[in-house]
Amino acid sequence: MSHWAEIDNNNKVLRVLVGDNNDPAGDEGYQWLIDNLGGTWIKTSYNGNIRKNYAGIGYTYDADRDAFIAPKPDNATGFDEDTCQWITPKVEREA
């Protein structure tokens, strides 16, 4: 199965849908999405093989990095450019 993220004009992910790998057009459902739903669709990978991270609602697509980036958590202390993930402090648990 292929997965497609619809983004708005600000590159925010609105929804993620599954395409058909057996689509006769050979585009894994992309043309069906365009013809029937319109919008702008970017392929995403459930296992992170493309675009660094699997897209989720509220994520942002960064075209320069060709990556989906999660919303910044309140406690994020930085950003990992290699993984395009936010760095958050580790919390030590009491024994």
N, C-alpha and C. Protein backbone atom coordinates (compact mmCIF):
# COMPACT_ATOMS: atom_id res chain seq x y z
N MET A 1 0.83 -1.18 0.00
CA MET A 1 0.00 0.00 0.00
C MET A 1 0.87 1.24 0.00
N SER A 2 0.40 2.25 -0.64
CA SER A 2 1.09 3.54 -0.60
C SER A 2 0.27 4.49 0.26
N HIS A 3 0.94 5.43 0.86
CA HIS A 3 0.28 6.40 1.73
C HIS A 3 0.55 7.80 1.19
N TRP A 4 -0.50 8.62 1.23
CA TRP A 4 -0.42 9.97 0.68
C TRP A 4 -0.92 10.98 1.71
N ALA A 5 -0.18 12.06 1.87
CA ALA A 5 -0.57 13.13 2.80
C ALA A 5 -1.06 14.32 1.98
N GLU A 6 -2.24 14.82 2.34
CA GLU A 6 -2.73 16.04 1.71
C GLU A 6 -2.24 17.22 2.54
N ILE A 7 -1.65 18.20 1.85
CA ILE A 7 -1.16 19.39 2.55
C ILE A 7 -1.92 20.62 2.09
N ASP A 8 -2.01 21.62 2.97
CA ASP A 8 -2.67 22.87 2.62
C ASP A 8 -1.64 23.85 2.07
N ASN A 9 -2.06 25.10 1.88
CA ASN A 9 -1.17 26.13 1.31
C ASN A 9 0.02 26.47 2.20
N ASN A 10 -0.07 26.12 3.48
CA ASN A 10 1.03 26.36 4.42
C ASN A 10 1.85 25.10 4.67
N ASN A 11 1.63 24.07 3.83
CA ASN A 11 2.33 22.80 3.92
C ASN A 11 2.00 22.00 5.18
N LYS A 12 0.86 22.29 5.81
CA LYS A 12 0.39 21.52 6.97
C LYS A 12 -0.39 20.32 6.46
N VAL A 13 -0.16 19.18 7.08
CA VAL A 13 -0.85 17.95 6.70
C VAL A 13 -2.29 18.00 7.21
N LEU A 14 -3.22 17.81 6.28
CA LEU A 14 -4.64 17.81 6.60
C LEU A 14 -5.17 16.40 6.88
N ARG A 15 -4.67 15.43 6.10
CA ARG A 15 -5.09 14.04 6.27
C ARG A 15 -4.11 13.15 5.53
N VAL A 16 -4.14 11.87 5.88
CA VAL A 16 -3.29 10.87 5.24
C VAL A 16 -4.21 9.73 4.79
N LEU A 17 -4.12 9.37 3.50
CA LEU A 17 -4.95 8.32 2.94
C LEU A 17 -4.07 7.24 2.31
N VAL A 18 -4.67 6.07 2.12
CA VAL A 18 -3.96 4.93 1.55
C VAL A 18 -4.32 4.81 0.08
N GLY A 19 -3.30 4.63 -0.76
CA GLY A 19 -3.50 4.42 -2.18
C GLY A 19 -3.41 2.94 -2.53
N ASP A 20 -3.82 2.62 -3.73
CA ASP A 20 -3.84 1.25 -4.20
C ASP A 20 -2.60 0.96 -5.04
N ASN A 21 -1.77 0.03 -4.56
CA ASN A 21 -0.57 -0.33 -5.32
C ASN A 21 -0.90 -1.02 -6.63
N ASN A 22 -2.12 -1.53 -6.76
CA ASN A 22 -2.53 -2.22 -7.98
C ASN A 22 -3.29 -1.30 -8.92
N ASP A 23 -3.17 -0.01 -8.71
CA ASP A 23 -3.86 0.97 -9.54
C ASP A 23 -3.41 0.83 -10.99
N PRO A 24 -4.39 0.73 -11.93
CA PRO A 24 -4.02 0.56 -13.34
C PRO A 24 -3.16 1.69 -13.90
N ALA A 25 -3.25 2.86 -13.32
CA ALA A 25 -2.45 3.98 -13.81
C ALA A 25 -0.98 3.84 -13.41
N GLY A 26 -0.70 2.94 -12.46
CA GLY A 26 0.67 2.70 -12.05
C GLY A 26 1.23 3.76 -11.11
N ASP A 27 0.37 4.64 -10.59
CA ASP A 27 0.86 5.71 -9.72
C ASP A 27 0.43 5.53 -8.27
N GLU A 28 0.05 4.31 -7.93
CA GLU A 28 -0.30 3.95 -6.56
C GLU A 28 -1.44 4.80 -6.00
N GLY A 29 -2.39 5.18 -6.84
CA GLY A 29 -3.57 5.90 -6.40
C GLY A 29 -3.48 7.40 -6.47
N TYR A 30 -2.32 7.94 -6.84
CA TYR A 30 -2.15 9.39 -6.85
C TYR A 30 -3.17 10.08 -7.77
N GLN A 31 -3.33 9.59 -8.98
CA GLN A 31 -4.24 10.24 -9.92
C GLN A 31 -5.68 10.17 -9.44
N TRP A 32 -6.05 9.08 -8.79
CA TRP A 32 -7.41 8.97 -8.23
C TRP A 32 -7.63 10.07 -7.19
N LEU A 33 -6.64 10.29 -6.33
CA LEU A 33 -6.76 11.34 -5.31
C LEU A 33 -6.96 12.70 -5.97
N ILE A 34 -6.18 13.00 -6.98
CA ILE A 34 -6.27 14.29 -7.67
C ILE A 34 -7.63 14.42 -8.36
N ASP A 35 -8.03 13.39 -9.09
CA ASP A 35 -9.28 13.45 -9.86
C ASP A 35 -10.52 13.51 -8.98
N ASN A 36 -10.48 12.85 -7.83
CA ASN A 36 -11.68 12.74 -7.00
C ASN A 36 -11.70 13.66 -5.78
N LEU A 37 -10.54 14.02 -5.28
CA LEU A 37 -10.49 14.83 -4.07
C LEU A 37 -9.81 16.18 -4.27
N GLY A 38 -9.03 16.31 -5.34
CA GLY A 38 -8.29 17.55 -5.56
C GLY A 38 -7.20 17.71 -4.50
N GLY A 39 -6.68 18.90 -4.41
CA GLY A 39 -5.69 19.18 -3.39
C GLY A 39 -4.27 18.87 -3.82
N THR A 40 -3.37 18.98 -2.86
CA THR A 40 -1.96 18.71 -3.06
C THR A 40 -1.59 17.51 -2.21
N TRP A 41 -1.04 16.47 -2.84
CA TRP A 41 -0.74 15.22 -2.17
C TRP A 41 0.76 14.91 -2.28
N ILE A 42 1.36 14.50 -1.16
CA ILE A 42 2.77 14.14 -1.10
C ILE A 42 2.84 12.71 -0.56
N LYS A 43 3.61 11.88 -1.21
CA LYS A 43 3.74 10.50 -0.76
C LYS A 43 4.51 10.45 0.56
N THR A 44 4.06 9.59 1.47
CA THR A 44 4.72 9.40 2.75
C THR A 44 4.94 7.91 2.95
N SER A 45 5.84 7.56 3.81
CA SER A 45 6.20 6.15 4.01
C SER A 45 5.96 5.78 5.46
N TYR A 46 5.16 4.73 5.64
CA TYR A 46 4.84 4.27 6.99
C TYR A 46 6.10 3.88 7.77
N ASN A 47 7.10 3.35 7.06
CA ASN A 47 8.33 2.94 7.75
C ASN A 47 9.45 3.97 7.62
N GLY A 48 9.12 5.18 7.13
CA GLY A 48 10.10 6.26 7.07
C GLY A 48 11.14 6.13 5.97
N ASN A 49 10.88 5.30 4.96
CA ASN A 49 11.85 5.14 3.87
C ASN A 49 12.01 6.40 3.03
N ILE A 50 10.96 7.21 2.97
CA ILE A 50 11.04 8.48 2.25
C ILE A 50 10.54 9.59 3.16
N ARG A 51 11.04 10.76 2.97
CA ARG A 51 10.60 11.97 3.67
C ARG A 51 10.76 11.88 5.19
N LYS A 52 11.76 11.15 5.61
CA LYS A 52 12.23 11.06 7.00
C LYS A 52 11.22 10.47 7.98
N ASN A 53 9.99 11.00 8.01
CA ASN A 53 8.99 10.60 8.99
C ASN A 53 7.65 10.37 8.31
N TYR A 54 6.86 9.46 8.87
CA TYR A 54 5.51 9.23 8.38
C TYR A 54 4.67 10.46 8.71
N ALA A 55 3.95 10.96 7.74
CA ALA A 55 3.15 12.17 7.94
C ALA A 55 1.99 11.90 8.89
N GLY A 56 1.66 12.90 9.66
CA GLY A 56 0.49 12.84 10.54
C GLY A 56 -0.25 14.17 10.45
N ILE A 57 -1.51 14.15 10.82
CA ILE A 57 -2.30 15.39 10.81
C ILE A 57 -1.60 16.41 11.70
N GLY A 58 -1.41 17.61 11.17
CA GLY A 58 -0.74 18.67 11.91
C GLY A 58 0.75 18.75 11.65
N TYR A 59 1.33 17.74 11.02
CA TYR A 59 2.74 17.79 10.65
C TYR A 59 2.91 18.84 9.55
N THR A 60 4.14 19.22 9.30
CA THR A 60 4.47 20.15 8.23
C THR A 60 5.37 19.44 7.23
N TYR A 61 5.10 19.68 5.95
CA TYR A 61 6.01 19.18 4.92
C TYR A 61 7.01 20.27 4.61
N ASP A 62 8.30 19.97 4.81
CA ASP A 62 9.38 20.89 4.53
C ASP A 62 10.01 20.47 3.20
N ALA A 63 9.74 21.23 2.15
CA ALA A 63 10.22 20.88 0.80
C ALA A 63 11.75 20.94 0.71
N ASP A 64 12.37 21.87 1.42
CA ASP A 64 13.84 21.98 1.37
C ASP A 64 14.51 20.73 1.94
N ARG A 65 13.95 20.20 3.01
CA ARG A 65 14.49 18.99 3.64
C ARG A 65 13.86 17.73 3.05
N ASP A 66 12.79 17.90 2.26
CA ASP A 66 11.98 16.80 1.74
C ASP A 66 11.60 15.87 2.88
N ALA A 67 10.98 16.46 3.91
CA ALA A 67 10.65 15.72 5.12
C ALA A 67 9.35 16.20 5.73
N PHE A 68 8.66 15.26 6.40
CA PHE A 68 7.52 15.62 7.22
C PHE A 68 8.03 15.82 8.64
N ILE A 69 7.62 16.92 9.27
CA ILE A 69 8.11 17.28 10.59
C ILE A 69 6.92 17.44 11.53
N ALA A 70 7.01 16.77 12.67
CA ALA A 70 5.95 16.84 13.68
C ALA A 70 5.88 18.25 14.27
N PRO A 71 4.72 18.62 14.83
CA PRO A 71 4.65 19.90 15.54
C PRO A 71 5.67 19.92 16.68
N LYS A 72 6.21 21.07 16.95
CA LYS A 72 7.23 21.18 17.99
C LYS A 72 6.61 21.00 19.38
N PRO A 73 7.11 20.02 20.15
CA PRO A 73 6.62 19.86 21.52
C PRO A 73 7.06 21.04 22.39
N ASP A 74 6.31 21.31 23.42
CA ASP A 74 6.64 22.42 24.31
C ASP A 74 8.01 22.28 24.95
N ASN A 75 8.42 21.04 25.22
CA ASN A 75 9.68 20.82 25.93
C ASN A 75 10.85 20.52 24.99
N ALA A 76 10.67 20.74 23.69
CA ALA A 76 11.76 20.48 22.75
C ALA A 76 12.92 21.43 23.01
N THR A 77 14.13 20.85 22.99
CA THR A 77 15.32 21.66 23.23
C THR A 77 16.14 21.85 21.97
N GLY A 78 15.76 21.20 20.90
CA GLY A 78 16.51 21.33 19.67
C GLY A 78 15.86 20.53 18.56
N PHE A 79 16.55 20.49 17.42
CA PHE A 79 16.05 19.80 16.24
C PHE A 79 17.18 19.02 15.60
N ASP A 80 16.94 17.75 15.32
CA ASP A 80 17.94 16.88 14.69
C ASP A 80 17.77 16.97 13.18
N GLU A 81 18.71 17.59 12.50
CA GLU A 81 18.63 17.79 11.05
C GLU A 81 18.68 16.47 10.27
N ASP A 82 19.35 15.47 10.82
CA ASP A 82 19.46 14.19 10.12
C ASP A 82 18.14 13.42 10.11
N THR A 83 17.44 13.42 11.24
CA THR A 83 16.19 12.66 11.35
C THR A 83 14.96 13.54 11.18
N CYS A 84 15.15 14.85 11.22
CA CYS A 84 14.03 15.81 11.19
C CYS A 84 13.05 15.55 12.32
N GLN A 85 13.60 15.28 13.51
CA GLN A 85 12.79 15.08 14.70
C GLN A 85 13.24 16.04 15.78
N TRP A 86 12.30 16.38 16.65
CA TRP A 86 12.59 17.28 17.75
C TRP A 86 13.34 16.54 18.85
N ILE A 87 14.25 17.24 19.49
CA ILE A 87 15.01 16.67 20.60
C ILE A 87 14.37 17.15 21.89
N THR A 88 14.01 16.19 22.73
CA THR A 88 13.40 16.52 24.01
C THR A 88 14.28 15.97 25.13
N PRO A 89 14.29 16.65 26.26
CA PRO A 89 15.14 16.18 27.36
C PRO A 89 14.62 14.85 27.91
N LYS A 90 15.57 14.01 28.33
CA LYS A 90 15.20 12.75 28.97
C LYS A 90 14.83 13.02 30.42
N VAL A 91 13.78 12.36 30.86
CA VAL A 91 13.33 12.52 32.23
C VAL A 91 13.79 11.30 33.02
N GLU A 92 14.51 11.56 34.09
CA GLU A 92 14.98 10.46 34.96
C GLU A 92 13.84 10.07 35.89
N ARG A 93 13.64 8.76 36.00
CA ARG A 93 12.62 8.25 36.93
C ARG A 93 13.28 7.88 38.24
N GLU A 94 12.52 8.09 39.32
CA GLU A 94 13.04 7.70 40.62
C GLU A 94 12.89 6.19 40.78
N ALA A 95 13.87 5.58 41.45
CA ALA A 95 13.85 4.12 41.66
C ALA A 95 12.90 3.73 42.76
